PDB file of N, CA and C in Angstrom:
ATOM      1  N   TRP A   1     119.278  90.306  67.564  1.00  0.00           N
ATOM      2  CA  TRP A   1     119.357  89.313  68.608  1.00  0.00           C
ATOM      3  C   TRP A   1     117.993  88.736  68.914  1.00  0.00           C
ATOM      4  N   GLY A   2     117.224  88.573  67.922  1.00  0.00           N
ATOM      5  CA  GLY A   2     115.934  87.931  68.108  1.00  0.00           C
ATOM      6  C   GLY A   2     114.869  88.814  68.732  1.00  0.00           C
ATOM      7  N   ALA A   3     115.096  90.112  68.756  1.00  0.00           N
ATOM      8  CA  ALA A   3     114.090  91.002  69.338  1.00  0.00           C
ATOM      9  C   ALA A   3     112.899  91.082  68.392  1.00  0.00           C
ATOM     10  N   GLU A   4     111.724  90.953  68.971  1.00  0.00           N
ATOM     11  CA  GLU A   4     110.519  91.027  68.165  1.00  0.00           C
ATOM     12  C   GLU A   4     110.089  92.478  68.025  1.00  0.00           C
ATOM     13  N   PRO A   5     109.487  92.820  66.896  1.00  0.00           N
ATOM     14  CA  PRO A   5     109.018  94.203  66.717  1.00  0.00           C
ATOM     15  C   PRO A   5     107.922  94.534  67.737  1.00  0.00           C
ATOM     16  N   ALA A   6     107.860  95.802  68.107  1.00  0.00           N
ATOM     17  CA  ALA A   6     106.863  96.241  69.084  1.00  0.00           C
ATOM     18  C   ALA A   6     105.464  96.049  68.515  1.00  0.00           C
ATOM     19  N   LYS A   7     104.558  95.604  69.359  1.00  0.00           N
ATOM     20  CA  LYS A   7     103.170  95.397  68.962  1.00  0.00           C
ATOM     21  C   LYS A   7     102.409  96.705  69.149  1.00  0.00           C
ATOM     22  N   SER A   8     101.631  97.078  68.166  1.00  0.00           N
ATOM     23  CA  SER A   8     100.798  98.277  68.274  1.00  0.00           C
ATOM     24  C   SER A   8      99.495  97.922  68.972  1.00  0.00           C
ATOM     25  N   ILE A   9      99.035  98.831  69.812  1.00  0.00           N
ATOM     26  CA  ILE A   9      97.736  98.635  70.458  1.00  0.00           C
ATOM     27  C   ILE A   9      96.907  99.892  70.241  1.00  0.00           C
ATOM     28  N   SER A  10      95.612  99.742  70.336  1.00  0.00           N
ATOM     29  CA  SER A  10      94.715 100.881  70.135  1.00  0.00           C
ATOM     30  C   SER A  10      94.726 101.784  71.367  1.00  0.00           C
ATOM     31  N   LYS A  11      94.251 102.995  71.165  1.00  0.00           N
ATOM     32  CA  LYS A  11      94.147 103.928  72.289  1.00  0.00           C
ATOM     33  C   LYS A  11      93.197 103.367  73.347  1.00  0.00           C
ATOM     34  N   ALA A  12      92.117 102.756  72.923  1.00  0.00           N
ATOM     35  CA  ALA A  12      91.154 102.185  73.870  1.00  0.00           C
ATOM     36  C   ALA A  12      91.807 101.089  74.716  1.00  0.00           C
ATOM     37  N   GLU A  13      92.605 100.219  74.069  1.00  0.00           N
ATOM     38  CA  GLU A  13      93.292  99.169  74.823  1.00  0.00           C
ATOM     39  C   GLU A  13      94.308  99.775  75.784  1.00  0.00           C
ATOM     40  N   TRP A  14      95.017 100.810  75.333  1.00  0.00           N
ATOM     41  CA  TRP A  14      95.989 101.505  76.188  1.00  0.00           C
ATOM     42  C   TRP A  14      95.287 102.069  77.420  1.00  0.00           C
ATOM     43  N   ASP A  15      94.150 102.743  77.195  1.00  0.00           N
ATOM     44  CA  ASP A  15      93.396 103.323  78.308  1.00  0.00           C
ATOM     45  C   ASP A  15      92.940 102.247  79.293  1.00  0.00           C
ATOM     46  N   GLU A  16      92.488 101.109  78.790  1.00  0.00           N
ATOM     47  CA  GLU A  16      92.059 100.014  79.661  1.00  0.00           C
ATOM     48  C   GLU A  16      93.223  99.475  80.482  1.00  0.00           C
ATOM     49  N   ARG A  17      94.377  99.336  79.847  1.00  0.00           N
ATOM     50  CA  ARG A  17      95.557  98.849  80.580  1.00  0.00           C
ATOM     51  C   ARG A  17      95.949  99.826  81.682  1.00  0.00           C
ATOM     52  N   LEU A  18      95.892 101.126  81.381  1.00  0.00           N
ATOM     53  CA  LEU A  18      96.233 102.138  82.395  1.00  0.00           C
ATOM     54  C   LEU A  18      95.282 102.075  83.581  1.00  0.00           C
ATOM     55  N   LYS A  19      94.007 101.872  83.306  1.00  0.00           N
ATOM     56  CA  LYS A  19      93.015 101.800  84.382  1.00  0.00           C
ATOM     57  C   LYS A  19      93.267 100.619  85.314  1.00  0.00           C
ATOM     58  N   SER A  20      93.858  99.561  84.790  1.00  0.00           N
ATOM     59  CA  SER A  20      94.056  98.356  85.590  1.00  0.00           C
ATOM     60  C   SER A  20      95.296  98.414  86.480  1.00  0.00           C
ATOM     61  N   ILE A  21      96.136  99.424  86.276  1.00  0.00           N
ATOM     62  CA  ILE A  21      97.378  99.533  87.048  1.00  0.00           C
ATOM     63  C   ILE A  21      97.121 100.324  88.325  1.00  0.00           C
ATOM     64  N   LYS A  22      97.550  99.762  89.421  1.00  0.00           N
ATOM     65  CA  LYS A  22      97.418 100.428  90.723  1.00  0.00           C
ATOM     66  C   LYS A  22      98.793 100.921  91.161  1.00  0.00           C
ATOM     67  N   VAL A  23      98.898 102.212  91.443  1.00  0.00           N
ATOM     68  CA  VAL A  23     100.146 102.794  91.928  1.00  0.00           C
ATOM     69  C   VAL A  23      99.918 103.214  93.371  1.00  0.00           C
ATOM     70  N   ASN A  24     100.755 102.683  94.278  1.00  0.00           N
ATOM     71  CA  ASN A  24     100.535 103.057  95.671  1.00  0.00           C
ATOM     72  C   ASN A  24     101.151 104.435  95.954  1.00  0.00           C
ATOM     73  N   LYS A  25     100.634 105.057  96.961  1.00  0.00           N
ATOM     74  CA  LYS A  25     101.013 106.428  97.292  1.00  0.00           C
ATOM     75  C   LYS A  25     102.504 106.549  97.601  1.00  0.00           C
ATOM     76  N   SER A  26     103.060 105.581  98.275  1.00  0.00           N
ATOM     77  CA  SER A  26     104.476 105.607  98.626  1.00  0.00           C
ATOM     78  C   SER A  26     105.358 105.643  97.377  1.00  0.00           C
ATOM     79  N   ASP A  27     105.048 104.801  96.395  1.00  0.00           N
ATOM     80  CA  ASP A  27     105.823 104.787  95.153  1.00  0.00           C
ATOM     81  C   ASP A  27     105.686 106.105  94.409  1.00  0.00           C
ATOM     82  N   LEU A  28     104.480 106.632  94.360  1.00  0.00           N
ATOM     83  CA  LEU A  28     104.252 107.905  93.686  1.00  0.00           C
ATOM     84  C   LEU A  28     105.021 109.027  94.379  1.00  0.00           C
ATOM     85  N   ASN A  29     105.027 109.032  95.700  1.00  0.00           N
ATOM     86  CA  ASN A  29     105.773 110.048  96.446  1.00  0.00           C
ATOM     87  C   ASN A  29     107.275 109.958  96.163  1.00  0.00           C
ATOM     88  N   LYS A  30     107.794 108.742  96.029  1.00  0.00           N
ATOM     89  CA  LYS A  30     109.217 108.568  95.720  1.00  0.00           C
ATOM     90  C   LYS A  30     109.546 109.123  94.338  1.00  0.00           C
ATOM     91  N   VAL A  31     108.656 108.913  93.384  1.00  0.00           N
ATOM     92  CA  VAL A  31     108.867 109.446  92.033  1.00  0.00           C
ATOM     93  C   VAL A  31     108.864 110.976  92.066  1.00  0.00           C
ATOM     94  N   ILE A  32     107.931 111.549  92.801  1.00  0.00           N
ATOM     95  CA  ILE A  32     107.855 113.007  92.912  1.00  0.00           C
ATOM     96  C   ILE A  32     109.118 113.554  93.567  1.00  0.00           C
ATOM     97  N   MET A  33     109.556 112.936  94.665  1.00  0.00           N
ATOM     98  CA  MET A  33     110.763 113.391  95.350  1.00  0.00           C
ATOM     99  C   MET A  33     111.970 113.287  94.427  1.00  0.00           C
ATOM    100  N   ASN A  34     112.084 112.192  93.714  1.00  0.00           N
ATOM    101  CA  ASN A  34     113.190 112.002  92.788  1.00  0.00           C
ATOM    102  C   ASN A  34     113.205 113.117  91.741  1.00  0.00           C
ATOM    103  N   TYR A  35     112.061 113.456  91.204  1.00  0.00           N
ATOM    104  CA  TYR A  35     111.957 114.543  90.223  1.00  0.00           C
ATOM    105  C   TYR A  35     112.421 115.872  90.823  1.00  0.00           C
ATOM    106  N   LEU A  36     111.933 116.186  92.011  1.00  0.00           N
ATOM    107  CA  LEU A  36     112.292 117.458  92.640  1.00  0.00           C
ATOM    108  C   LEU A  36     113.803 117.556  92.861  1.00  0.00           C
ATOM    109  N   VAL A  37     114.416 116.470  93.304  1.00  0.00           N
ATOM    110  CA  VAL A  37     115.856 116.463  93.568  1.00  0.00           C
ATOM    111  C   VAL A  37     116.629 116.581  92.254  1.00  0.00           C
ATOM    112  N   ILE A  38     116.281 115.769  91.269  1.00  0.00           N
ATOM    113  CA  ILE A  38     117.010 115.770  89.995  1.00  0.00           C
ATOM    114  C   ILE A  38     116.923 117.126  89.301  1.00  0.00           C
ATOM    115  N   GLU A  39     115.760 117.767  89.391  1.00  0.00           N
ATOM    116  CA  GLU A  39     115.583 119.051  88.713  1.00  0.00           C
ATOM    117  C   GLU A  39     116.063 120.242  89.547  1.00  0.00           C
ATOM    118  N   GLY A  40     116.520 119.987  90.770  1.00  0.00           N
ATOM    119  CA  GLY A  40     117.127 121.037  91.570  1.00  0.00           C
ATOM    120  C   GLY A  40     116.164 121.889  92.382  1.00  0.00           C
ATOM    121  N   PHE A  41     114.978 121.396  92.626  1.00  0.00           N
ATOM    122  CA  PHE A  41     113.996 122.151  93.400  1.00  0.00           C
ATOM    123  C   PHE A  41     114.159 121.840  94.894  1.00  0.00           C
ATOM    124  N   ARG A  42     115.217 122.383  95.474  1.00  0.00           N
ATOM    125  CA  ARG A  42     115.562 122.071  96.861  1.00  0.00           C
ATOM    126  C   ARG A  42     114.462 122.439  97.843  1.00  0.00           C
ATOM    127  N   GLU A  43     113.978 123.668  97.758  1.00  0.00           N
ATOM    128  CA  GLU A  43     112.956 124.111  98.720  1.00  0.00           C
ATOM    129  C   GLU A  43     111.687 123.271  98.595  1.00  0.00           C
ATOM    130  N   ALA A  44     111.285 122.992  97.379  1.00  0.00           N
ATOM    131  CA  ALA A  44     110.093 122.166  97.165  1.00  0.00           C
ATOM    132  C   ALA A  44     110.327 120.757  97.706  1.00  0.00           C
ATOM    133  N   ALA A  45     111.529 120.219  97.496  1.00  0.00           N
ATOM    134  CA  ALA A  45     111.858 118.879  98.002  1.00  0.00           C
ATOM    135  C   ALA A  45     111.816 118.859  99.522  1.00  0.00           C
ATOM    136  N   GLU A  46     112.334 119.897 100.145  1.00  0.00           N
ATOM    137  CA  GLU A  46     112.314 119.966 101.611  1.00  0.00           C
ATOM    138  C   GLU A  46     110.878 120.018 102.135  1.00  0.00           C
ATOM    139  N   LEU A  47     110.053 120.845 101.507  1.00  0.00           N
ATOM    140  CA  LEU A  47     108.650 120.939 101.922  1.00  0.00           C
ATOM    141  C   LEU A  47     107.911 119.624 101.675  1.00  0.00           C
ATOM    142  N   PHE A  48     108.170 119.024 100.531  1.00  0.00           N
ATOM    143  CA  PHE A  48     107.519 117.758 100.211  1.00  0.00           C
ATOM    144  C   PHE A  48     107.937 116.672 101.201  1.00  0.00           C
ATOM    145  N   GLN A  49     109.209 116.673 101.556  1.00  0.00           N
ATOM    146  CA  GLN A  49     109.714 115.700 102.535  1.00  0.00           C
ATOM    147  C   GLN A  49     109.012 115.875 103.875  1.00  0.00           C
ATOM    148  N   GLU A  50     108.874 117.118 104.285  1.00  0.00           N
ATOM    149  CA  GLU A  50     108.224 117.417 105.560  1.00  0.00           C
ATOM    150  C   GLU A  50     106.746 117.027 105.547  1.00  0.00           C
ATOM    151  N   GLU A  51     106.068 117.360 104.459  1.00  0.00           N
ATOM    152  CA  GLU A  51     104.629 117.112 104.390  1.00  0.00           C
ATOM    153  C   GLU A  51     104.267 115.653 104.125  1.00  0.00           C
ATOM    154  N   SER A  52     105.075 114.964 103.311  1.00  0.00           N
ATOM    155  CA  SER A  52     104.726 113.593 102.925  1.00  0.00           C
ATOM    156  C   SER A  52     105.449 112.534 103.748  1.00  0.00           C
ATOM    157  N   GLY A  53     106.542 112.939 104.407  1.00  0.00           N
ATOM    158  CA  GLY A  53     107.341 111.975 105.141  1.00  0.00           C
ATOM    159  C   GLY A  53     108.227 111.132 104.240  1.00  0.00           C
ATOM    160  N   THR A  54     108.356 111.540 102.983  1.00  0.00           N
ATOM    161  CA  THR A  54     109.174 110.811 102.015  1.00  0.00           C
ATOM    162  C   THR A  54     110.606 111.309 102.094  1.00  0.00           C
ATOM    163  N   GLU A  55     111.518 110.413 102.417  1.00  0.00           N
ATOM    164  CA  GLU A  55     112.925 110.787 102.524  1.00  0.00           C
ATOM    165  C   GLU A  55     113.572 110.866 101.144  1.00  0.00           C
ATOM    166  N   ALA A  56     114.388 111.871 100.955  1.00  0.00           N
ATOM    167  CA  ALA A  56     115.145 111.996  99.710  1.00  0.00           C
ATOM    168  C   ALA A  56     116.335 111.049  99.759  1.00  0.00           C
ATOM    169  N   ASP A  57     116.718 110.514  98.600  1.00  0.00           N
ATOM    170  CA  ASP A  57     117.880 109.624  98.529  1.00  0.00           C
ATOM    171  C   ASP A  57     119.186 110.413  98.508  1.00  0.00           C
ATOM    172  N   ALA A  58     119.094 111.724  98.398  1.00  0.00           N
ATOM    173  CA  ALA A  58     120.279 112.581  98.333  1.00  0.00           C
ATOM    174  C   ALA A  58     120.211 113.622  99.442  1.00  0.00           C
ATOM    175  N   ASP A  59     121.350 114.175  99.763  1.00  0.00           N
ATOM    176  CA  ASP A  59     121.431 115.248 100.756  1.00  0.00           C
ATOM    177  C   ASP A  59     120.864 116.517 100.116  1.00  0.00           C
ATOM    178  N   LEU A  60     119.728 116.976 100.613  1.00  0.00           N
ATOM    179  CA  LEU A  60     119.061 118.129 100.005  1.00  0.00           C
ATOM    180  C   LEU A  60     119.892 119.403 100.083  1.00  0.00           C
ATOM    181  N   SER A  61     120.762 119.494 101.082  1.00  0.00           N
ATOM    182  CA  SER A  61     121.592 120.694 101.202  1.00  0.00           C
ATOM    183  C   SER A  61     122.642 120.777 100.089  1.00  0.00           C
ATOM    184  N   LYS A  62     122.869 119.688  99.380  1.00  0.00           N
ATOM    185  CA  LYS A  62     123.870 119.642  98.313  1.00  0.00           C
ATOM    186  C   LYS A  62     123.271 119.827  96.919  1.00  0.00           C
ATOM    187  N   ILE A  63     121.968 120.053  96.837  1.00  0.00           N
ATOM    188  CA  ILE A  63     121.330 120.181  95.533  1.00  0.00           C
ATOM    189  C   ILE A  63     121.920 121.340  94.728  1.00  0.00           C
ATOM    190  N   GLY A  64     122.185 122.453  95.367  1.00  0.00           N
ATOM    191  CA  GLY A  64     122.779 123.596  94.661  1.00  0.00           C
ATOM    192  C   GLY A  64     124.115 123.233  94.028  1.00  0.00           C
ATOM    193  N   GLU A  65     124.941 122.523  94.768  1.00  0.00           N
ATOM    194  CA  GLU A  65     126.238 122.094  94.237  1.00  0.00           C
ATOM    195  C   GLU A  65     126.049 121.146  93.053  1.00  0.00           C
ATOM    196  N   ARG A  66     125.108 120.221  93.177  1.00  0.00           N
ATOM    197  CA  ARG A  66     124.848 119.271  92.099  1.00  0.00           C
ATOM    198  C   ARG A  66     124.386 119.988  90.843  1.00  0.00           C
ATOM    199  N   MET A  67     123.566 121.005  91.016  1.00  0.00           N
ATOM    200  CA  MET A  67     123.066 121.747  89.861  1.00  0.00           C
ATOM    201  C   MET A  67     124.182 122.531  89.202  1.00  0.00           C
ATOM    202  N   SER A  68     125.107 123.057  89.989  1.00  0.00           N
ATOM    203  CA  SER A  68     126.253 123.779  89.423  1.00  0.00           C
ATOM    204  C   SER A  68     127.108 122.858  88.565  1.00  0.00           C
ATOM    205  N   VAL A  69     127.324 121.651  89.038  1.00  0.00           N
ATOM    206  CA  VAL A  69     128.100 120.673  88.276  1.00  0.00           C
ATOM    207  C   VAL A  69     127.372 120.296  87.005  1.00  0.00           C
ATOM    208  N   ARG A  70     126.067 120.058  87.127  1.00  0.00           N
ATOM    209  CA  ARG A  70     125.274 119.662  85.962  1.00  0.00           C
ATOM    210  C   ARG A  70     125.257 120.757  84.901  1.00  0.00           C
ATOM    211  N   ASP A  71     125.164 122.007  85.336  1.00  0.00           N
ATOM    212  CA  ASP A  71     125.053 123.126  84.399  1.00  0.00           C
ATOM    213  C   ASP A  71     126.392 123.585  83.841  1.00  0.00           C
ATOM    214  N   SER A  72     127.512 123.047  84.357  1.00  0.00           N
ATOM    215  CA  SER A  72     128.812 123.513  83.865  1.00  0.00           C
ATOM    216  C   SER A  72     129.242 122.793  82.619  1.00  0.00           C
TER     217      SER A  72
END
């Protein structure tokens, strides 16, 4: 469908591009919270929520149930 092949870049160019990207703390906290919830780290998610003020998108009390479903 007209997709162009991926362009290769050098490691130096990759490093320069990474340096130019700014990630704000709020976005980073959301990524961390999402990881904790998805991987089933309920206690860590609760502590992180308390310390960072980042709300989880899921009910933390249900993480155990979600993990049981995922692992079945």
